N, C-alpha and C. Protein backbone atom coordinates (compact mmCIF):
# COMPACT_ATOMS: atom_id res chain seq x y z
N MET A 1 15.77 31.22 -13.29
CA MET A 1 15.05 32.08 -12.37
C MET A 1 13.93 31.26 -11.71
N TRP A 2 13.66 31.58 -10.45
CA TRP A 2 12.65 30.88 -9.67
C TRP A 2 11.65 31.87 -9.10
N ALA A 3 10.36 31.58 -9.27
CA ALA A 3 9.29 32.38 -8.69
C ALA A 3 9.03 31.84 -7.28
N THR A 4 8.96 32.74 -6.30
CA THR A 4 8.81 32.31 -4.91
C THR A 4 7.46 32.73 -4.34
N PHE A 5 7.04 31.98 -3.33
CA PHE A 5 5.80 32.27 -2.60
C PHE A 5 5.87 31.55 -1.28
N ARG A 6 5.00 31.92 -0.36
CA ARG A 6 4.99 31.31 0.97
C ARG A 6 3.67 30.61 1.24
N VAL A 7 3.81 29.49 1.94
CA VAL A 7 2.67 28.78 2.51
C VAL A 7 3.06 28.55 3.96
N GLY A 8 2.35 29.20 4.87
CA GLY A 8 2.78 29.16 6.27
C GLY A 8 4.15 29.80 6.36
N GLU A 9 5.05 29.15 7.06
CA GLU A 9 6.41 29.66 7.21
C GLU A 9 7.33 29.21 6.08
N ALA A 10 6.87 28.29 5.25
CA ALA A 10 7.72 27.71 4.21
C ALA A 10 7.86 28.63 3.01
N LEU A 11 9.10 28.81 2.56
CA LEU A 11 9.36 29.51 1.31
C LEU A 11 9.41 28.44 0.22
N LEU A 12 8.53 28.55 -0.75
CA LEU A 12 8.44 27.60 -1.85
C LEU A 12 8.80 28.31 -3.14
N ALA A 13 9.26 27.53 -4.12
CA ALA A 13 9.62 28.14 -5.40
C ALA A 13 9.34 27.14 -6.53
N VAL A 14 9.10 27.69 -7.70
CA VAL A 14 8.90 26.92 -8.91
C VAL A 14 9.63 27.67 -10.02
N GLU A 15 10.12 26.94 -11.02
CA GLU A 15 10.81 27.62 -12.11
C GLU A 15 9.89 28.69 -12.70
N ALA A 16 10.43 29.88 -12.87
CA ALA A 16 9.62 31.01 -13.32
C ALA A 16 8.97 30.74 -14.67
N THR A 17 9.59 29.92 -15.51
CA THR A 17 9.01 29.63 -16.82
C THR A 17 7.73 28.81 -16.72
N ALA A 18 7.49 28.16 -15.57
CA ALA A 18 6.27 27.37 -15.37
C ALA A 18 5.11 28.23 -14.90
N VAL A 19 5.38 29.45 -14.45
CA VAL A 19 4.33 30.32 -13.91
C VAL A 19 3.65 31.08 -15.04
N ARG A 20 2.35 30.88 -15.11
CA ARG A 20 1.56 31.60 -16.12
C ARG A 20 1.23 33.00 -15.62
N GLU A 21 0.83 33.07 -14.33
CA GLU A 21 0.52 34.38 -13.73
C GLU A 21 0.30 34.24 -12.24
N PHE A 22 0.37 35.37 -11.56
CA PHE A 22 0.01 35.49 -10.15
C PHE A 22 -1.29 36.28 -10.09
N LEU A 23 -2.24 35.80 -9.29
CA LEU A 23 -3.52 36.50 -9.14
C LEU A 23 -3.70 36.89 -7.69
N ARG A 24 -4.13 38.12 -7.47
CA ARG A 24 -4.39 38.56 -6.08
C ARG A 24 -5.55 37.80 -5.47
N ARG A 25 -6.51 37.47 -6.32
CA ARG A 25 -7.71 36.80 -5.83
C ARG A 25 -8.32 36.02 -6.98
N LEU A 26 -8.88 34.86 -6.66
CA LEU A 26 -9.55 34.06 -7.68
C LEU A 26 -10.69 33.31 -7.00
N GLU A 27 -11.89 33.58 -7.45
CA GLU A 27 -13.07 32.93 -6.88
C GLU A 27 -13.17 31.50 -7.40
N THR A 28 -13.46 30.57 -6.48
CA THR A 28 -13.59 29.17 -6.87
C THR A 28 -14.98 28.65 -6.55
N THR A 29 -15.36 27.60 -7.25
CA THR A 29 -16.60 26.89 -6.99
C THR A 29 -16.23 25.52 -6.43
N PRO A 30 -16.65 25.22 -5.20
CA PRO A 30 -16.31 23.92 -4.61
C PRO A 30 -16.85 22.77 -5.45
N LEU A 31 -16.13 21.67 -5.43
CA LEU A 31 -16.53 20.47 -6.15
C LEU A 31 -16.96 19.44 -5.11
N PRO A 32 -18.28 19.18 -5.01
CA PRO A 32 -18.76 18.22 -4.00
C PRO A 32 -18.05 16.88 -4.13
N LEU A 33 -17.67 16.34 -3.00
CA LEU A 33 -16.99 15.05 -2.92
C LEU A 33 -15.63 15.03 -3.60
N GLY A 34 -15.07 16.21 -3.90
CA GLY A 34 -13.74 16.28 -4.50
C GLY A 34 -12.67 16.01 -3.46
N PRO A 35 -11.44 15.78 -3.90
CA PRO A 35 -10.34 15.58 -2.96
C PRO A 35 -10.21 16.76 -2.01
N ARG A 36 -9.78 16.50 -0.79
CA ARG A 36 -9.68 17.52 0.24
C ARG A 36 -8.79 18.69 -0.18
N ALA A 37 -7.73 18.41 -0.93
CA ALA A 37 -6.80 19.46 -1.34
C ALA A 37 -7.34 20.32 -2.48
N LEU A 38 -8.39 19.84 -3.14
CA LEU A 38 -8.98 20.62 -4.24
C LEU A 38 -9.92 21.66 -3.65
N GLU A 39 -9.50 22.91 -3.70
CA GLU A 39 -10.33 23.99 -3.18
C GLU A 39 -11.57 24.16 -4.05
N GLY A 40 -11.40 23.96 -5.35
CA GLY A 40 -12.53 24.08 -6.26
C GLY A 40 -12.06 24.33 -7.67
N LEU A 41 -13.02 24.69 -8.52
CA LEU A 41 -12.73 25.01 -9.91
C LEU A 41 -12.93 26.51 -10.10
N ALA A 42 -12.14 27.08 -11.00
CA ALA A 42 -12.24 28.52 -11.26
C ALA A 42 -12.28 28.76 -12.76
N ASN A 43 -12.95 29.83 -13.14
CA ASN A 43 -13.01 30.25 -14.52
C ASN A 43 -11.94 31.33 -14.71
N LEU A 44 -10.90 30.98 -15.44
CA LEU A 44 -9.81 31.91 -15.70
C LEU A 44 -9.90 32.35 -17.15
N ARG A 45 -10.62 33.45 -17.39
CA ARG A 45 -10.82 33.99 -18.73
C ARG A 45 -11.31 32.93 -19.72
N GLY A 46 -12.35 32.21 -19.30
CA GLY A 46 -12.98 31.23 -20.16
C GLY A 46 -12.41 29.83 -20.08
N VAL A 47 -11.36 29.63 -19.31
CA VAL A 47 -10.77 28.30 -19.14
C VAL A 47 -11.01 27.85 -17.69
N VAL A 48 -11.61 26.68 -17.52
CA VAL A 48 -11.86 26.14 -16.19
C VAL A 48 -10.59 25.44 -15.70
N ILE A 49 -10.11 25.87 -14.53
CA ILE A 49 -8.89 25.27 -13.97
C ILE A 49 -9.16 24.79 -12.55
N PRO A 50 -8.47 23.74 -12.12
CA PRO A 50 -8.55 23.34 -10.72
C PRO A 50 -7.68 24.27 -9.88
N VAL A 51 -8.13 24.54 -8.67
CA VAL A 51 -7.34 25.34 -7.73
C VAL A 51 -7.10 24.48 -6.49
N LEU A 52 -5.83 24.26 -6.20
CA LEU A 52 -5.44 23.45 -5.05
C LEU A 52 -5.10 24.34 -3.87
N ALA A 53 -5.54 23.94 -2.68
CA ALA A 53 -5.09 24.59 -1.45
C ALA A 53 -3.72 23.98 -1.16
N LEU A 54 -2.68 24.72 -1.47
CA LEU A 54 -1.33 24.16 -1.43
C LEU A 54 -0.94 23.68 -0.03
N ASP A 55 -1.46 24.32 1.02
CA ASP A 55 -1.13 23.87 2.37
C ASP A 55 -1.66 22.45 2.61
N ARG A 56 -2.90 22.19 2.19
CA ARG A 56 -3.47 20.84 2.36
C ARG A 56 -2.83 19.84 1.41
N TRP A 57 -2.53 20.27 0.22
CA TRP A 57 -1.95 19.41 -0.78
C TRP A 57 -0.57 18.90 -0.36
N LEU A 58 0.22 19.80 0.23
CA LEU A 58 1.59 19.44 0.62
C LEU A 58 1.71 18.98 2.07
N GLY A 59 0.63 19.10 2.84
CA GLY A 59 0.68 18.66 4.23
C GLY A 59 1.46 19.60 5.13
N ILE A 60 1.44 20.90 4.81
CA ILE A 60 2.13 21.88 5.66
C ILE A 60 1.11 22.89 6.17
N GLY A 61 1.34 23.38 7.38
CA GLY A 61 0.40 24.30 8.01
C GLY A 61 0.35 25.64 7.32
N SER A 62 -0.78 26.31 7.48
CA SER A 62 -0.97 27.61 6.86
C SER A 62 -2.06 28.36 7.59
N GLY A 63 -2.02 29.66 7.48
CA GLY A 63 -3.08 30.49 8.03
C GLY A 63 -3.95 31.03 6.92
N ALA A 64 -4.02 30.33 5.79
CA ALA A 64 -4.72 30.82 4.61
C ALA A 64 -6.19 31.11 4.90
N ASN A 65 -6.68 32.14 4.26
CA ASN A 65 -8.07 32.56 4.44
C ASN A 65 -8.91 32.28 3.21
N GLY A 66 -8.59 31.25 2.46
CA GLY A 66 -9.39 30.88 1.30
C GLY A 66 -9.28 31.88 0.17
N GLU A 67 -10.41 32.30 -0.36
CA GLU A 67 -10.43 33.11 -1.56
C GLU A 67 -9.79 34.48 -1.40
N ALA A 68 -9.49 34.91 -0.18
CA ALA A 68 -8.82 36.18 0.02
C ALA A 68 -7.32 36.06 -0.24
N GLU A 69 -6.83 34.84 -0.40
CA GLU A 69 -5.39 34.61 -0.59
C GLU A 69 -5.05 34.55 -2.07
N PRO A 70 -3.79 34.88 -2.41
CA PRO A 70 -3.39 34.86 -3.82
C PRO A 70 -3.29 33.45 -4.40
N VAL A 71 -3.27 33.41 -5.73
CA VAL A 71 -3.16 32.14 -6.46
C VAL A 71 -2.00 32.26 -7.45
N VAL A 72 -1.18 31.22 -7.48
CA VAL A 72 -0.13 31.10 -8.49
C VAL A 72 -0.67 30.13 -9.54
N VAL A 73 -0.77 30.57 -10.77
CA VAL A 73 -1.24 29.70 -11.85
C VAL A 73 0.00 29.17 -12.56
N VAL A 74 0.16 27.84 -12.53
CA VAL A 74 1.30 27.20 -13.17
C VAL A 74 0.84 26.39 -14.37
N GLU A 75 1.71 26.31 -15.36
CA GLU A 75 1.44 25.50 -16.54
C GLU A 75 2.01 24.11 -16.31
N THR A 76 1.21 23.10 -16.62
CA THR A 76 1.67 21.72 -16.56
C THR A 76 1.41 21.09 -17.92
N GLY A 77 1.89 19.89 -18.11
CA GLY A 77 1.63 19.20 -19.36
C GLY A 77 0.16 18.98 -19.62
N ALA A 78 -0.65 18.97 -18.53
CA ALA A 78 -2.09 18.76 -18.66
C ALA A 78 -2.88 20.06 -18.70
N GLY A 79 -2.19 21.21 -18.62
CA GLY A 79 -2.87 22.50 -18.63
C GLY A 79 -2.62 23.28 -17.36
N PRO A 80 -3.21 24.46 -17.25
CA PRO A 80 -2.97 25.31 -16.09
C PRO A 80 -3.65 24.78 -14.83
N VAL A 81 -2.99 25.01 -13.69
CA VAL A 81 -3.49 24.63 -12.37
C VAL A 81 -3.20 25.80 -11.44
N GLY A 82 -4.16 26.14 -10.58
CA GLY A 82 -3.97 27.21 -9.60
C GLY A 82 -3.51 26.63 -8.27
N TRP A 83 -2.56 27.31 -7.65
CA TRP A 83 -2.09 26.95 -6.30
C TRP A 83 -2.42 28.11 -5.38
N ARG A 84 -3.30 27.88 -4.40
CA ARG A 84 -3.63 28.91 -3.40
C ARG A 84 -2.46 28.99 -2.42
N VAL A 85 -1.90 30.16 -2.24
CA VAL A 85 -0.75 30.37 -1.35
C VAL A 85 -1.07 31.47 -0.35
N ASP A 86 -0.21 31.64 0.64
CA ASP A 86 -0.42 32.70 1.63
C ASP A 86 0.12 34.04 1.15
N GLU A 87 1.24 34.00 0.43
CA GLU A 87 1.89 35.24 0.04
C GLU A 87 2.74 34.99 -1.20
N VAL A 88 2.70 35.92 -2.14
CA VAL A 88 3.54 35.84 -3.33
C VAL A 88 4.84 36.57 -3.02
N GLY A 89 5.94 35.96 -3.41
CA GLY A 89 7.26 36.57 -3.19
C GLY A 89 7.69 37.33 -4.42
N GLY A 90 8.77 36.89 -5.02
CA GLY A 90 9.30 37.53 -6.21
C GLY A 90 10.02 36.50 -7.05
N VAL A 91 10.82 36.99 -7.97
CA VAL A 91 11.63 36.12 -8.81
C VAL A 91 13.07 36.24 -8.36
N ARG A 92 13.69 35.09 -8.17
CA ARG A 92 15.07 35.06 -7.68
C ARG A 92 15.94 34.24 -8.64
N PRO A 93 17.23 34.55 -8.66
CA PRO A 93 18.14 33.79 -9.53
C PRO A 93 18.18 32.32 -9.14
N ALA A 94 18.48 31.47 -10.11
CA ALA A 94 18.59 30.03 -9.87
C ALA A 94 19.73 29.75 -8.88
N PRO A 95 19.56 28.71 -8.07
CA PRO A 95 20.61 28.38 -7.12
C PRO A 95 21.87 27.90 -7.84
N GLU A 96 23.00 28.16 -7.21
CA GLU A 96 24.26 27.67 -7.75
C GLU A 96 24.55 26.32 -7.12
N GLY A 97 25.09 25.41 -7.91
CA GLY A 97 25.46 24.10 -7.37
C GLY A 97 24.28 23.15 -7.32
N PRO A 98 24.54 21.94 -6.81
CA PRO A 98 23.49 20.91 -6.77
C PRO A 98 22.43 21.21 -5.72
N LEU A 99 21.25 20.64 -5.93
CA LEU A 99 20.15 20.78 -4.97
C LEU A 99 20.34 19.76 -3.86
N ASP A 100 19.86 20.10 -2.68
CA ASP A 100 19.86 19.16 -1.56
C ASP A 100 18.48 18.51 -1.47
N GLU A 101 18.42 17.33 -0.83
CA GLU A 101 17.15 16.66 -0.62
C GLU A 101 16.48 17.21 0.62
N LEU A 102 15.15 17.10 0.67
CA LEU A 102 14.42 17.48 1.87
C LEU A 102 14.77 16.51 2.99
N PRO A 103 14.74 16.97 4.24
CA PRO A 103 15.00 16.07 5.35
C PRO A 103 13.93 14.98 5.43
N ASP A 104 14.29 13.85 6.00
CA ASP A 104 13.36 12.73 6.14
C ASP A 104 12.12 13.12 6.95
N ALA A 105 12.26 14.10 7.82
CA ALA A 105 11.14 14.52 8.68
C ALA A 105 10.08 15.33 7.91
N ALA A 106 10.37 15.75 6.70
CA ALA A 106 9.40 16.52 5.91
C ALA A 106 8.21 15.63 5.56
N PRO A 107 6.99 16.20 5.50
CA PRO A 107 5.82 15.40 5.13
C PRO A 107 6.03 14.70 3.79
N GLY A 108 5.53 13.48 3.68
CA GLY A 108 5.71 12.69 2.46
C GLY A 108 5.18 13.37 1.21
N GLU A 109 4.05 14.08 1.34
CA GLU A 109 3.47 14.77 0.20
C GLU A 109 4.41 15.86 -0.30
N LEU A 110 5.03 16.57 0.64
CA LEU A 110 5.96 17.64 0.28
C LEU A 110 7.20 17.05 -0.38
N ARG A 111 7.70 15.96 0.15
CA ARG A 111 8.89 15.30 -0.43
C ARG A 111 8.58 14.83 -1.86
N ALA A 112 7.39 14.28 -2.08
CA ALA A 112 7.03 13.77 -3.40
C ALA A 112 6.86 14.89 -4.42
N ALA A 113 6.45 16.07 -3.99
CA ALA A 113 6.18 17.18 -4.90
C ALA A 113 7.39 18.07 -5.13
N SER A 114 8.48 17.84 -4.40
CA SER A 114 9.63 18.72 -4.52
C SER A 114 10.74 18.07 -5.33
N ILE A 115 11.58 18.92 -5.89
CA ILE A 115 12.77 18.43 -6.58
C ILE A 115 14.00 18.66 -5.72
N GLY A 116 13.83 19.32 -4.58
CA GLY A 116 14.94 19.54 -3.67
C GLY A 116 14.81 20.86 -2.94
N ILE A 117 15.83 21.17 -2.17
CA ILE A 117 15.89 22.46 -1.48
C ILE A 117 17.18 23.15 -1.89
N ALA A 118 17.16 24.47 -1.83
CA ALA A 118 18.33 25.25 -2.22
C ALA A 118 18.28 26.61 -1.55
N ARG A 119 19.42 27.23 -1.46
CA ARG A 119 19.49 28.61 -0.95
C ARG A 119 19.17 29.56 -2.10
N LEU A 120 18.14 30.37 -1.88
CA LEU A 120 17.78 31.43 -2.82
C LEU A 120 17.99 32.73 -2.07
N GLY A 121 19.06 33.40 -2.37
CA GLY A 121 19.41 34.60 -1.62
C GLY A 121 19.82 34.21 -0.22
N ASP A 122 19.18 34.80 0.77
CA ASP A 122 19.53 34.51 2.17
C ASP A 122 18.56 33.54 2.82
N GLU A 123 17.71 32.87 2.04
CA GLU A 123 16.73 31.93 2.59
C GLU A 123 16.84 30.57 1.91
N ILE A 124 16.38 29.55 2.63
CA ILE A 124 16.30 28.21 2.07
C ILE A 124 14.89 28.03 1.50
N ALA A 125 14.80 27.58 0.26
CA ALA A 125 13.50 27.39 -0.40
C ALA A 125 13.33 25.93 -0.79
N ILE A 126 12.08 25.49 -0.77
CA ILE A 126 11.71 24.17 -1.26
C ILE A 126 11.30 24.37 -2.71
N LEU A 127 11.97 23.67 -3.62
CA LEU A 127 11.71 23.82 -5.04
C LEU A 127 10.70 22.76 -5.48
N LEU A 128 9.60 23.20 -6.05
CA LEU A 128 8.49 22.31 -6.41
C LEU A 128 8.51 21.93 -7.89
N ASP A 129 7.96 20.75 -8.17
CA ASP A 129 7.79 20.24 -9.53
C ASP A 129 6.33 20.50 -9.92
N PRO A 130 6.08 21.41 -10.87
CA PRO A 130 4.68 21.71 -11.22
C PRO A 130 3.94 20.54 -11.84
N GLU A 131 4.64 19.58 -12.40
CA GLU A 131 3.97 18.43 -13.01
C GLU A 131 3.31 17.54 -11.96
N ALA A 132 3.74 17.65 -10.69
CA ALA A 132 3.15 16.82 -9.64
C ALA A 132 1.66 17.09 -9.47
N CYS A 133 1.18 18.25 -9.89
CA CYS A 133 -0.24 18.56 -9.74
C CYS A 133 -1.05 18.21 -10.98
N SER A 134 -0.42 17.74 -12.04
CA SER A 134 -1.16 17.44 -13.27
C SER A 134 -2.03 16.20 -13.12
N ALA A 135 -1.76 15.36 -12.12
CA ALA A 135 -2.58 14.16 -11.92
C ALA A 135 -4.03 14.53 -11.67
N LEU A 136 -4.27 15.67 -11.05
CA LEU A 136 -5.63 16.12 -10.77
C LEU A 136 -6.41 16.33 -12.07
N LYS A 137 -5.76 16.87 -13.09
CA LYS A 137 -6.42 17.13 -14.36
C LYS A 137 -6.80 15.84 -15.08
N SER A 138 -6.08 14.75 -14.79
CA SER A 138 -6.39 13.51 -15.48
C SER A 138 -7.32 12.61 -14.68
N GLY A 139 -7.93 13.18 -13.64
CA GLY A 139 -8.95 12.45 -12.88
C GLY A 139 -8.44 11.74 -11.65
N GLN A 140 -7.15 11.84 -11.36
CA GLN A 140 -6.60 11.20 -10.18
C GLN A 140 -6.64 12.18 -9.01
N ALA A 141 -6.60 11.64 -7.80
CA ALA A 141 -6.52 12.50 -6.62
C ALA A 141 -5.15 13.13 -6.56
N PRO A 142 -5.04 14.38 -6.09
CA PRO A 142 -3.73 14.98 -5.94
C PRO A 142 -2.93 14.25 -4.86
N ILE A 143 -1.66 14.46 -4.88
CA ILE A 143 -0.76 13.83 -3.92
C ILE A 143 -1.30 14.02 -2.51
N GLY A 144 -1.29 12.96 -1.73
CA GLY A 144 -1.68 13.05 -0.33
C GLY A 144 -3.15 12.77 -0.06
N ASP A 145 -3.96 12.72 -1.06
CA ASP A 145 -5.38 12.47 -0.84
C ASP A 145 -5.80 11.10 -1.34
N GLY A 146 -4.82 10.28 -1.66
CA GLY A 146 -5.00 8.90 -2.02
C GLY A 146 -5.98 8.63 -3.06
């Protein structure tokens, strides 16, 4: 099963087992001089987590309004990370057959963070690897912010 959400026009998905929760709203505290994709840090029931602006992190356009937008909290090997998205979708069955690669024209950050594309129902979704954001927890800049 895959949990889906939108950033701009893109339908994105992550394995549902990696999703800890969906939040309608999550207040963040900006981190001065932090990477551009890091929206800030948030207190999630006593645990401080990084929250990434997924549009900036992946290099795709969005009309996100910051803290008014939902957050997908995913579990990584380094702990939970929040992804600010434009819209939460639902849970869809896993794609049948092999995954396709993203086209060469896709932004490099998006290509690096994805495991492929697949048809989920009647739409094409970009399937993300939640471990790609764990570098932020270990002190490295997230993908795309060098």
